[in-house]
Amino acid sequence: MAPLYLHYIESSTYAYWLASGNILIWITIIEPGVGITLEQKVAFTAGQNNKTELSKLITSGLILCSIILVASFSISLLIQQSIPVILDLKKWPHTSLLQEAFFWASIGSSLSLCTYSLVGVNQGLQHTAYTGLVYLVSQLVGIVISIYGLIQGWGLLSIGYSRAVTGVLYFVGNGLIFLYALQKDTIRLEYDKHYFKSFYKIFSYTFANKMGITIANNIDLIVVSRFLEPSIITQLELSRRPQNIFSGFVNRTTYALLPSMSHSFGKGDSNSVKTIYIQFLKGFIFISLIISFGFIIFNEALLNFWVGAENYIGDLENVLIVLSIIISSYTYSNSNFSFSAGNIKGNSKVGIYRSILYLVLIFPLTMYFGVVGLLAALIISYLATEFWYYQLDLARVIGLKPSEVWQVVKPNLTPLLLMSCMAFYLHNLRYESLLQVVFVAFLFTVFAVACFYLTVPEIRLQVSIAIQKFKRKAIPDQTLNQ
């Protein structure tokens, strides 16, 4: 979508929309983690087959869902009026357009925040496929509306309208799944005043964590707009956008496992979660090394043919973006394993500490070192808090030993060295077309996979298992035996 936005929307308008989008995300502070907490508790309680507590738990979640909807929309209206002050747009001629687009986008954002509670219940009751389908459909419809609006000349409003429609569809779809889940699992709603009080008390931790993470994760473009050139906003956002796709892929993997892992902890089966974690770690190293080196090599060429060479942030900054995304994805995945065991307070506390450290570092480092300092602040905050904390917590909840982690990491050192040498060579090449970039990227991927296959026994094992599974499905048993 970015090339279309840059084509149909004036560059400064789009840059300030990106910055205001960060402000819009601040509204998510109103949702103190009700959805993810509901998901863990509903799955855990369902694993214990305690329908009485399920009824009280789901009812309490619905009440908080209603409060979140009203509060988030009210606050978004107040923020809408303050956008010119926050972004220092007093002399900018398109302020009213930006505020109107923000208004429509805030409708979708508020509905989505409320829907998180419904999603938590639906996924906690193991109805994950339906929830994923609704998310996919609502996002695709939003994209179609954005494209149509841009072509029709709606400009920035096309983004606002699409966000509103996406939020409505997401809310309605999950509401229908919620009603279906209650009927299928024969769960009735039951309000218990004392249970509700005990339930919302836990959000004193999650709210502070959500507030810190939301501000910390979305303040970078605001800081750039204040201390650096407006053009750097677009460069930073577009340079890391392709890599965020990878991050979302990895994060979704462990997020999708949350309901089943919480269900296993509810049944007292922590060994199965440990097995899942070790398999996840093997896959994460394999995928992240290939993808991260791919972006180090090809991100500049990709941006050149996608949105123009002027939107590339720089080589050093690109490497730091890759490193920060890998570290954040790894710690986020570890936090999901810890959270599924019920460590809600611990997760919240370490998230608060990381956010505070990041906010302390980002302003002075950005002022003196620019984007490099901004990215360094993010990396330091992760390494100093969440990175080591979750390793210790996983040792506690699933009995993960450092020697087991090292046994997974050790075989990957040879592919790491080989890909580093290949990256140094390929990055210095000059590409004449996007087709050439794709071709060289394909060759690099083949080389990287071959490195893993030849040096990591686990990869060879998984490939042989996959081949055997394919043979069983593709060839009848009688023919296979012959």
Protein backbone atom coordinates (compact mmCIF):
# COMPACT_ATOMS: atom_id res chain seq x y z
CA MET A 1 0.00 0.00 0.00
CA ALA A 2 2.85 2.42 0.69
CA PRO A 3 3.57 3.19 -3.00
CA LEU A 4 -0.12 3.99 -3.51
CA TYR A 5 -0.18 6.25 -0.46
CA LEU A 6 2.92 8.11 -1.64
CA HIS A 7 1.44 8.45 -5.13
CA TYR A 8 -2.02 9.73 -4.15
CA ILE A 9 -1.22 11.56 -0.89
CA GLU A 10 1.10 14.57 -0.59
CA SER A 11 4.39 13.56 1.08
CA SER A 12 4.24 15.86 4.12
CA THR A 13 0.60 14.90 4.70
CA TYR A 14 1.50 11.22 4.69
CA ALA A 15 4.48 11.81 6.99
CA TYR A 16 2.32 13.61 9.56
CA TRP A 17 -0.32 10.87 9.22
CA LEU A 18 2.33 8.31 10.20
CA ALA A 19 3.17 10.42 13.24
CA SER A 20 -0.51 10.88 14.17
CA GLY A 21 -0.98 7.14 13.71
CA ASN A 22 1.43 6.68 16.61
CA ILE A 23 -0.77 8.96 18.69
CA LEU A 24 -3.81 6.89 17.68
CA ILE A 25 -2.08 3.79 18.96
CA TRP A 26 -1.66 5.53 22.32
CA ILE A 27 -5.41 5.13 22.76
CA THR A 28 -4.81 1.40 23.14
CA ILE A 29 -3.53 2.22 26.63
CA ILE A 30 -7.22 2.17 27.60
CA GLU A 31 -7.22 -1.60 26.96
CA PRO A 32 -5.07 -2.81 29.88
CA GLY A 33 -4.53 -6.31 28.50
CA VAL A 34 -8.05 -7.60 29.13
CA GLY A 35 -8.11 -9.60 25.90
CA ILE A 36 -4.83 -11.46 26.39
CA THR A 37 -5.55 -12.03 30.09
CA LEU A 38 -9.01 -13.39 29.29
CA GLU A 39 -7.48 -15.71 26.72
CA GLN A 40 -5.02 -17.15 29.23
CA LYS A 41 -7.52 -17.49 32.06
CA VAL A 42 -10.37 -18.84 29.91
CA ALA A 43 -8.07 -21.47 28.33
CA PHE A 44 -6.60 -22.39 31.73
CA THR A 45 -10.04 -22.65 33.35
CA ALA A 46 -11.43 -24.61 30.39
CA GLY A 47 -8.53 -27.03 30.82
CA GLN A 48 -9.77 -27.58 34.39
CA ASN A 49 -13.34 -27.97 33.04
CA ASN A 50 -14.63 -25.43 35.60
CA LYS A 51 -17.71 -23.97 33.89
CA THR A 52 -18.91 -22.09 36.98
CA GLU A 53 -15.77 -19.95 37.04
CA LEU A 54 -15.89 -19.66 33.25
CA SER A 55 -19.33 -18.05 33.46
CA LYS A 56 -18.14 -15.45 36.00
CA LEU A 57 -14.88 -14.85 34.15
CA ILE A 58 -16.50 -14.23 30.76
CA THR A 59 -19.15 -11.93 32.25
CA SER A 60 -16.49 -9.85 33.99
CA GLY A 61 -14.62 -9.59 30.70
CA LEU A 62 -17.72 -8.34 28.88
CA ILE A 63 -18.27 -5.59 31.45
CA LEU A 64 -14.70 -4.38 31.04
CA CYS A 65 -15.11 -4.61 27.26
CA SER A 66 -18.04 -2.16 27.38
CA ILE A 67 -16.12 0.26 29.61
CA ILE A 68 -13.13 0.16 27.25
CA LEU A 69 -15.30 1.00 24.22
CA VAL A 70 -16.81 4.11 25.82
CA ALA A 71 -13.55 5.33 27.37
CA SER A 72 -11.38 4.84 24.27
CA PHE A 73 -13.74 6.70 21.95
CA SER A 74 -14.16 9.57 24.42
CA ILE A 75 -10.41 10.00 24.81
CA SER A 76 -9.83 9.79 21.06
CA LEU A 77 -12.16 12.77 20.59
CA LEU A 78 -10.10 14.78 23.05
CA ILE A 79 -6.82 13.78 21.38
CA GLN A 80 -8.22 14.71 17.96
CA GLN A 81 -8.47 18.34 19.03
CA SER A 82 -4.90 18.31 20.37
CA ILE A 83 -3.14 16.93 17.28
CA PRO A 84 -1.98 20.38 16.03
CA VAL A 85 -0.30 21.05 19.38
CA ILE A 86 1.24 17.59 19.77
CA LEU A 87 2.77 17.59 16.27
CA ASP A 88 3.41 21.36 16.17
CA LEU A 89 1.17 21.91 13.09
CA LYS A 90 -0.07 25.42 13.79
CA LYS A 91 1.14 26.75 10.40
CA TRP A 92 0.43 23.60 8.39
CA PRO A 93 -2.53 24.10 5.97
CA HIS A 94 -4.01 20.56 6.05
CA THR A 95 -4.60 20.17 9.78
CA SER A 96 -8.39 19.79 9.49
CA LEU A 97 -8.00 16.96 6.94
CA LEU A 98 -5.61 15.13 9.26
CA GLN A 99 -8.03 15.53 12.17
CA GLU A 100 -10.99 14.18 10.17
CA ALA A 101 -9.03 11.12 9.03
CA PHE A 102 -7.95 10.62 12.64
CA PHE A 103 -11.60 10.71 13.77
CA TRP A 104 -12.69 7.93 11.42
CA ALA A 105 -9.63 5.85 12.24
CA SER A 106 -10.35 6.27 15.96
CA ILE A 107 -13.80 4.69 15.48
CA GLY A 108 -12.19 1.56 14.10
CA SER A 109 -9.51 1.61 16.80
CA SER A 110 -12.06 1.89 19.62
CA LEU A 111 -14.15 -0.98 18.26
CA SER A 112 -11.02 -3.10 17.83
CA LEU A 113 -10.00 -2.48 21.45
CA CYS A 114 -13.40 -3.68 22.61
CA THR A 115 -13.19 -6.69 20.30
CA TYR A 116 -9.94 -7.87 21.91
CA SER A 117 -11.99 -9.08 24.89
CA LEU A 118 -14.29 -11.09 22.62
CA VAL A 119 -11.26 -12.49 20.80
CA GLY A 120 -9.72 -13.50 24.14
CA VAL A 121 -12.82 -15.50 25.07
CA ASN A 122 -13.17 -17.05 21.61
CA GLN A 123 -9.55 -18.18 21.45
CA GLY A 124 -9.53 -19.28 25.08
CA LEU A 125 -12.41 -21.61 24.20
CA GLN A 126 -10.24 -22.93 21.31
CA HIS A 127 -12.24 -21.31 18.48
CA THR A 128 -9.05 -19.88 16.96
CA ALA A 129 -9.68 -20.67 13.28
CA TYR A 130 -12.93 -18.67 13.10
CA THR A 131 -11.31 -15.72 14.87
CA GLY A 132 -8.41 -15.74 12.42
CA LEU A 133 -10.77 -15.87 9.45
CA VAL A 134 -12.71 -12.82 10.67
CA TYR A 135 -9.45 -10.91 11.17
CA LEU A 136 -8.28 -11.79 7.67
CA VAL A 137 -11.56 -10.83 5.98
CA SER A 138 -11.87 -7.52 7.85
CA GLN A 139 -8.29 -6.54 6.96
CA LEU A 140 -8.76 -7.42 3.27
CA VAL A 141 -11.98 -5.41 3.05
CA GLY A 142 -10.18 -2.46 4.63
CA ILE A 143 -7.41 -2.69 2.04
CA VAL A 144 -9.94 -2.74 -0.80
CA ILE A 145 -11.66 0.37 0.58
CA SER A 146 -8.29 2.15 0.88
CA ILE A 147 -7.44 1.43 -2.75
CA TYR A 148 -10.91 2.46 -3.97
CA GLY A 149 -10.80 5.68 -1.96
CA LEU A 150 -7.36 6.64 -3.23
CA ILE A 151 -8.44 6.12 -6.84
CA GLN A 152 -11.62 8.15 -6.23
CA GLY A 153 -9.61 11.05 -4.83
CA TRP A 154 -10.48 10.73 -1.14
CA GLY A 155 -6.81 11.13 -0.26
CA LEU A 156 -5.97 10.69 3.41
CA LEU A 157 -9.64 10.08 4.27
CA SER A 158 -9.49 6.75 2.43
CA ILE A 159 -7.19 5.43 5.17
CA GLY A 160 -9.51 6.72 7.91
CA TYR A 161 -12.61 5.20 6.29
CA SER A 162 -10.90 1.85 5.81
CA ARG A 163 -9.84 1.73 9.48
CA ALA A 164 -13.44 2.42 10.54
CA VAL A 165 -14.91 -0.33 8.33
CA THR A 166 -12.23 -2.81 9.45
CA GLY A 167 -13.08 -2.14 13.10
CA VAL A 168 -16.82 -2.61 12.53
CA LEU A 169 -16.35 -5.93 10.69
CA TYR A 170 -13.90 -7.20 13.31
CA PHE A 171 -16.33 -6.37 16.11
CA VAL A 172 -19.43 -7.87 14.46
CA GLY A 173 -17.65 -11.03 13.30
CA ASN A 174 -16.17 -11.83 16.70
CA GLY A 175 -19.48 -11.02 18.38
CA LEU A 176 -21.14 -13.73 16.30
CA ILE A 177 -18.35 -16.21 17.10
CA PHE A 178 -18.73 -15.36 20.79
CA LEU A 179 -22.45 -16.16 20.76
CA TYR A 180 -21.78 -19.39 18.88
CA ALA A 181 -19.07 -20.42 21.38
CA LEU A 182 -21.34 -19.84 24.39
CA GLN A 183 -24.07 -21.96 22.84
CA LYS A 184 -21.75 -24.75 21.67
CA ASP A 185 -19.96 -25.05 25.03
CA THR A 186 -23.20 -24.51 27.05
CA ILE A 187 -21.80 -21.58 29.03
CA ARG A 188 -24.19 -19.10 30.61
CA LEU A 189 -23.28 -15.59 31.73
CA GLU A 190 -23.20 -14.99 35.49
CA TYR A 191 -22.26 -11.77 37.28
CA ASP A 192 -20.49 -12.07 40.61
CA LYS A 193 -19.58 -8.78 42.27
CA HIS A 194 -16.76 -10.19 44.39
CA TYR A 195 -15.31 -12.13 41.46
CA PHE A 196 -15.41 -9.03 39.26
CA LYS A 197 -13.45 -7.03 41.85
CA SER A 198 -10.79 -9.72 42.15
CA PHE A 199 -10.61 -9.98 38.37
CA TYR A 200 -10.02 -6.31 37.57
CA LYS A 201 -7.44 -5.88 40.36
CA ILE A 202 -4.91 -7.81 38.31
CA PHE A 203 -5.05 -5.07 35.69
CA SER A 204 -3.22 -2.64 37.96
CA TYR A 205 -0.11 -4.45 36.69
CA THR A 206 -1.19 -5.05 33.11
CA PHE A 207 -2.48 -1.49 32.70
CA ALA A 208 0.83 0.03 33.77
CA ASN A 209 2.65 -2.40 31.49
CA LYS A 210 0.35 -1.68 28.54
CA MET A 211 0.68 2.05 29.06
CA GLY A 212 4.47 1.89 29.16
CA ILE A 213 4.78 -0.44 26.17
CA THR A 214 2.31 1.53 24.05
CA ILE A 215 4.04 4.85 24.68
CA ALA A 216 7.53 3.39 24.30
CA ASN A 217 6.75 1.47 21.10
CA ASN A 218 5.05 4.43 19.43
CA ILE A 219 6.98 7.46 20.57
CA ASP A 220 9.88 7.05 18.15
CA LEU A 221 8.24 8.83 15.19
CA ILE A 222 7.12 11.64 17.52
CA VAL A 223 10.70 12.04 18.73
CA VAL A 224 11.97 12.04 15.13
CA SER A 225 9.44 14.71 14.14
CA ARG A 226 10.64 16.88 17.03
CA PHE A 227 14.42 16.49 16.78
CA LEU A 228 15.10 15.43 13.16
CA GLU A 229 13.85 16.19 9.66
CA PRO A 230 10.22 15.25 8.74
CA SER A 231 11.51 13.22 5.77
CA ILE A 232 13.27 10.87 8.18
CA ILE A 233 9.84 9.85 9.55
CA THR A 234 8.94 8.30 6.20
CA GLN A 235 12.43 6.80 5.75
CA LEU A 236 12.39 5.11 9.14
CA GLU A 237 8.83 3.81 8.81
CA LEU A 238 9.20 2.45 5.27
CA SER A 239 12.68 0.98 5.87
CA ARG A 240 11.41 -1.16 8.72
CA ARG A 241 7.96 -1.97 7.32
CA PRO A 242 8.98 -5.04 5.26
CA GLN A 243 10.84 -6.37 8.28
CA ASN A 244 7.81 -5.86 10.50
CA ILE A 245 6.01 -8.35 8.26
CA PHE A 246 8.54 -10.97 9.35
CA SER A 247 8.20 -9.89 12.96
CA GLY A 248 4.42 -10.26 12.76
CA PHE A 249 4.80 -13.73 11.28
CA VAL A 250 7.03 -14.95 14.13
CA ASN A 251 4.97 -13.24 16.83
CA ARG A 252 1.74 -14.73 15.47
CA THR A 253 3.25 -18.21 15.72
CA THR A 254 3.60 -18.20 19.51
CA TYR A 255 0.49 -16.05 19.95
CA ALA A 256 -1.52 -18.73 18.14
CA LEU A 257 -0.13 -21.32 20.56
CA LEU A 258 -1.22 -19.38 23.67
CA PRO A 259 -4.66 -21.02 24.10
CA SER A 260 -3.32 -24.58 23.77
CA MET A 261 -0.32 -23.88 26.05
CA SER A 262 -2.52 -22.35 28.76
CA HIS A 263 -4.84 -25.33 28.39
CA SER A 264 -1.86 -27.68 28.92
CA PHE A 265 -0.73 -25.76 32.02
CA GLY A 266 -4.32 -25.99 33.31
CA LYS A 267 -4.09 -29.78 33.01
CA GLY A 268 -0.66 -29.76 34.70
CA ASP A 269 1.20 -30.89 31.57
CA SER A 270 4.24 -28.57 31.46
CA ASN A 271 6.41 -31.14 29.66
CA SER A 272 4.42 -30.75 26.43
CA VAL A 273 4.97 -26.97 26.61
CA LYS A 274 8.72 -27.54 27.03
CA THR A 275 8.72 -29.74 23.92
CA ILE A 276 6.87 -27.03 21.99
CA TYR A 277 9.37 -24.38 23.16
CA ILE A 278 12.43 -26.35 22.05
CA GLN A 279 10.85 -26.93 18.64
CA PHE A 280 9.95 -23.23 18.43
CA LEU A 281 13.53 -22.21 19.27
CA LYS A 282 14.93 -24.42 16.50
CA GLY A 283 12.51 -22.97 13.97
CA PHE A 284 13.06 -19.39 15.17
CA ILE A 285 16.83 -19.58 14.70
CA PHE A 286 16.45 -21.12 11.24
CA ILE A 287 13.89 -18.60 10.01
CA SER A 288 15.32 -15.49 11.69
CA LEU A 289 18.87 -15.99 10.42
CA ILE A 290 17.76 -16.40 6.81
CA ILE A 291 15.28 -13.52 6.90
CA SER A 292 17.51 -11.12 8.84
CA PHE A 293 20.47 -11.60 6.49
CA GLY A 294 18.06 -11.29 3.58
CA PHE A 295 16.96 -7.84 4.76
CA ILE A 296 20.52 -6.75 5.46
CA ILE A 297 21.44 -7.65 1.88
CA PHE A 298 18.33 -6.71 -0.10
CA ASN A 299 16.35 -4.09 1.85
CA GLU A 300 18.03 -1.16 0.09
CA ALA A 301 17.33 -2.64 -3.37
CA LEU A 302 13.78 -3.57 -2.36
CA LEU A 303 12.98 -0.04 -1.22
CA ASN A 304 14.61 1.40 -4.35
CA PHE A 305 12.18 -0.43 -6.64
CA TRP A 306 9.23 -0.28 -4.21
CA VAL A 307 9.01 3.33 -3.01
CA GLY A 308 12.21 4.99 -4.29
CA ALA A 309 15.84 5.10 -3.18
CA GLU A 310 15.26 8.35 -1.22
CA ASN A 311 13.20 6.38 1.34
CA TYR A 312 16.09 4.10 2.43
CA ILE A 313 17.31 4.97 5.91
CA GLY A 314 20.98 3.82 5.55
CA ASP A 315 23.12 0.67 5.98
CA LEU A 316 24.00 1.00 9.67
CA GLU A 317 20.46 1.97 10.56
CA ASN A 318 19.14 -0.98 8.53
CA VAL A 319 21.35 -3.45 10.42
CA LEU A 320 20.18 -1.99 13.74
CA ILE A 321 16.55 -2.27 12.63
CA VAL A 322 17.09 -5.96 11.81
CA LEU A 323 18.80 -6.58 15.15
CA SER A 324 16.10 -4.77 17.14
CA ILE A 325 13.28 -6.67 15.42
CA ILE A 326 14.95 -10.06 15.97
CA ILE A 327 15.54 -9.33 19.66
CA SER A 328 12.02 -7.97 20.20
CA SER A 329 10.44 -10.96 18.41
CA TYR A 330 12.47 -13.41 20.48
CA THR A 331 11.59 -11.76 23.80
CA TYR A 332 7.92 -11.41 22.79
CA SER A 333 7.75 -15.12 21.96
CA ASN A 334 9.37 -16.02 25.27
CA SER A 335 6.90 -13.76 27.08
CA ASN A 336 4.00 -15.72 25.55
CA PHE A 337 5.34 -18.98 26.97
CA SER A 338 5.77 -17.34 30.36
CA PHE A 339 2.34 -15.69 30.19
CA SER A 340 0.59 -18.95 29.30
CA ALA A 341 1.81 -20.37 32.62
CA GLY A 342 -0.03 -17.57 34.44
CA ASN A 343 2.95 -15.27 35.12
CA ILE A 344 0.88 -12.16 34.43
CA LYS A 345 2.42 -9.96 37.14
CA GLY A 346 6.00 -10.89 36.26
CA ASN A 347 5.44 -10.18 32.58
CA SER A 348 3.85 -6.84 33.38
CA LYS A 349 6.62 -5.73 35.73
CA VAL A 350 9.49 -6.50 33.36
CA GLY A 351 7.58 -4.80 30.54
CA ILE A 352 7.25 -1.66 32.70
CA TYR A 353 10.98 -1.67 33.48
CA ARG A 354 11.87 -1.98 29.79
CA SER A 355 9.55 0.87 28.81
CA ILE A 356 10.97 3.17 31.50
CA LEU A 357 14.55 2.43 30.44
CA TYR A 358 13.70 3.04 26.78
CA LEU A 359 11.99 6.36 27.52
CA VAL A 360 15.00 7.45 29.57
CA LEU A 361 17.42 6.60 26.75
CA ILE A 362 15.54 7.59 23.58
CA PHE A 363 15.56 11.38 24.02
CA PRO A 364 19.28 11.99 24.72
CA LEU A 365 20.50 9.29 22.31
CA THR A 366 18.30 10.57 19.47
CA MET A 367 19.36 14.18 20.08
CA TYR A 368 23.07 13.33 19.90
CA PHE A 369 23.19 10.32 17.53
CA GLY A 370 20.02 10.63 15.43
CA VAL A 371 18.28 7.47 14.22
CA VAL A 372 21.25 5.33 15.27
CA GLY A 373 20.79 6.50 18.85
CA LEU A 374 17.04 5.87 18.68
CA LEU A 375 17.53 2.26 17.57
CA ALA A 376 20.38 1.72 20.05
CA ALA A 377 18.06 2.84 22.87
CA LEU A 378 15.53 0.19 21.83
CA ILE A 379 18.11 -2.62 21.67
CA ILE A 380 19.70 -1.71 25.02
CA SER A 381 16.30 -1.60 26.75
CA TYR A 382 15.48 -5.15 25.58
CA LEU A 383 18.85 -6.66 26.44
CA ALA A 384 18.94 -5.07 29.89
CA THR A 385 15.48 -6.32 30.95
CA GLU A 386 13.29 -8.79 29.06
CA PHE A 387 16.01 -10.76 27.26
CA TRP A 388 17.52 -12.33 30.37
CA TYR A 389 14.38 -12.26 32.54
CA TYR A 390 12.37 -14.64 30.37
CA GLN A 391 15.25 -17.11 30.15
CA LEU A 392 15.23 -17.35 33.94
CA ASP A 393 11.44 -17.59 34.09
CA LEU A 394 11.30 -20.35 31.48
CA ALA A 395 13.83 -22.30 33.56
CA ARG A 396 11.34 -22.03 36.42
CA VAL A 397 8.02 -22.83 34.69
CA ILE A 398 9.10 -25.56 32.23
CA GLY A 399 12.47 -26.60 33.64
CA LEU A 400 14.46 -25.24 30.69
CA LYS A 401 18.21 -25.65 31.24
CA PRO A 402 20.96 -23.46 29.69
CA SER A 403 22.61 -26.61 28.34
CA GLU A 404 19.40 -27.45 26.41
CA VAL A 405 19.35 -23.99 24.87
CA TRP A 406 23.03 -24.25 23.92
CA GLN A 407 22.45 -27.63 22.25
CA VAL A 408 19.91 -25.92 20.00
CA VAL A 409 22.06 -22.84 19.28
CA LYS A 410 25.46 -24.52 18.77
CA PRO A 411 24.82 -26.26 15.38
CA ASN A 412 23.71 -22.93 13.87
CA LEU A 413 27.05 -21.15 14.32
CA THR A 414 28.50 -22.52 11.07
CA PRO A 415 25.55 -21.33 8.91
CA LEU A 416 25.81 -17.96 10.69
CA LEU A 417 29.46 -17.59 9.64
CA LEU A 418 28.82 -18.70 6.05
CA MET A 419 25.84 -16.36 5.60
CA SER A 420 27.83 -13.45 7.04
CA CYS A 421 30.45 -13.89 4.34
CA MET A 422 27.82 -14.20 1.61
CA ALA A 423 25.99 -11.10 2.92
CA PHE A 424 29.15 -9.00 2.74
CA TYR A 425 29.60 -9.94 -0.93
CA LEU A 426 25.97 -9.66 -2.11
CA HIS A 427 25.30 -6.33 -0.40
CA ASN A 428 27.90 -4.62 -2.57
CA LEU A 429 26.20 -5.69 -5.81
CA ARG A 430 24.14 -3.19 -7.83
CA TYR A 431 20.76 -4.32 -9.08
CA GLU A 432 19.20 -3.08 -12.32
CA SER A 433 15.64 -4.36 -11.80
CA LEU A 434 13.31 -5.84 -9.21
CA LEU A 435 13.39 -9.14 -11.12
CA GLN A 436 17.16 -9.28 -10.61
CA VAL A 437 16.71 -8.64 -6.87
CA VAL A 438 14.18 -11.47 -6.64
CA PHE A 439 16.47 -13.85 -8.56
CA VAL A 440 19.54 -13.14 -6.42
CA ALA A 441 17.42 -13.33 -3.26
CA PHE A 442 16.19 -16.75 -4.39
CA LEU A 443 19.77 -17.94 -4.92
CA PHE A 444 20.74 -16.63 -1.48
CA THR A 445 17.82 -18.48 0.11
CA VAL A 446 18.84 -21.72 -1.60
CA PHE A 447 22.42 -21.21 -0.38
CA ALA A 448 21.25 -20.48 3.19
CA VAL A 449 18.94 -23.50 3.34
CA ALA A 450 21.74 -25.68 1.97
CA CYS A 451 24.07 -24.42 4.72
CA PHE A 452 21.56 -25.41 7.38
CA TYR A 453 20.82 -28.75 5.74
CA LEU A 454 24.49 -29.72 5.53
CA THR A 455 25.55 -28.53 9.00
CA VAL A 456 22.47 -28.88 11.27
CA PRO A 457 21.29 -32.48 11.91
CA GLU A 458 17.87 -31.30 13.12
CA ILE A 459 17.12 -29.72 9.74
CA ARG A 460 17.94 -32.96 7.92
CA LEU A 461 15.68 -34.84 10.33
CA GLN A 462 12.77 -32.45 9.79
CA VAL A 463 13.19 -32.61 6.00
CA SER A 464 13.11 -36.41 6.04
CA ILE A 465 10.00 -36.37 8.24
CA ALA A 466 8.31 -33.95 5.86
CA ILE A 467 9.17 -36.16 2.87
CA GLN A 468 7.76 -39.23 4.60
CA LYS A 469 4.55 -37.38 5.44
CA PHE A 470 4.21 -36.25 1.84
CA LYS A 471 4.70 -39.79 0.58
CA ARG A 472 2.02 -41.12 2.91
CA LYS A 473 -0.47 -38.54 1.69
CA ALA A 474 0.43 -38.56 -1.99
CA ILE A 475 0.99 -42.29 -2.51
CA PRO A 476 -1.45 -45.06 -1.39
CA ASP A 477 -0.04 -47.33 1.33
CA GLN A 478 -0.17 -50.42 -0.90
CA THR A 479 1.84 -48.75 -3.66
CA LEU A 480 4.32 -47.32 -1.12
CA ASN A 481 4.93 -50.77 0.36
CA GLN A 482 5.54 -52.24 -3.09
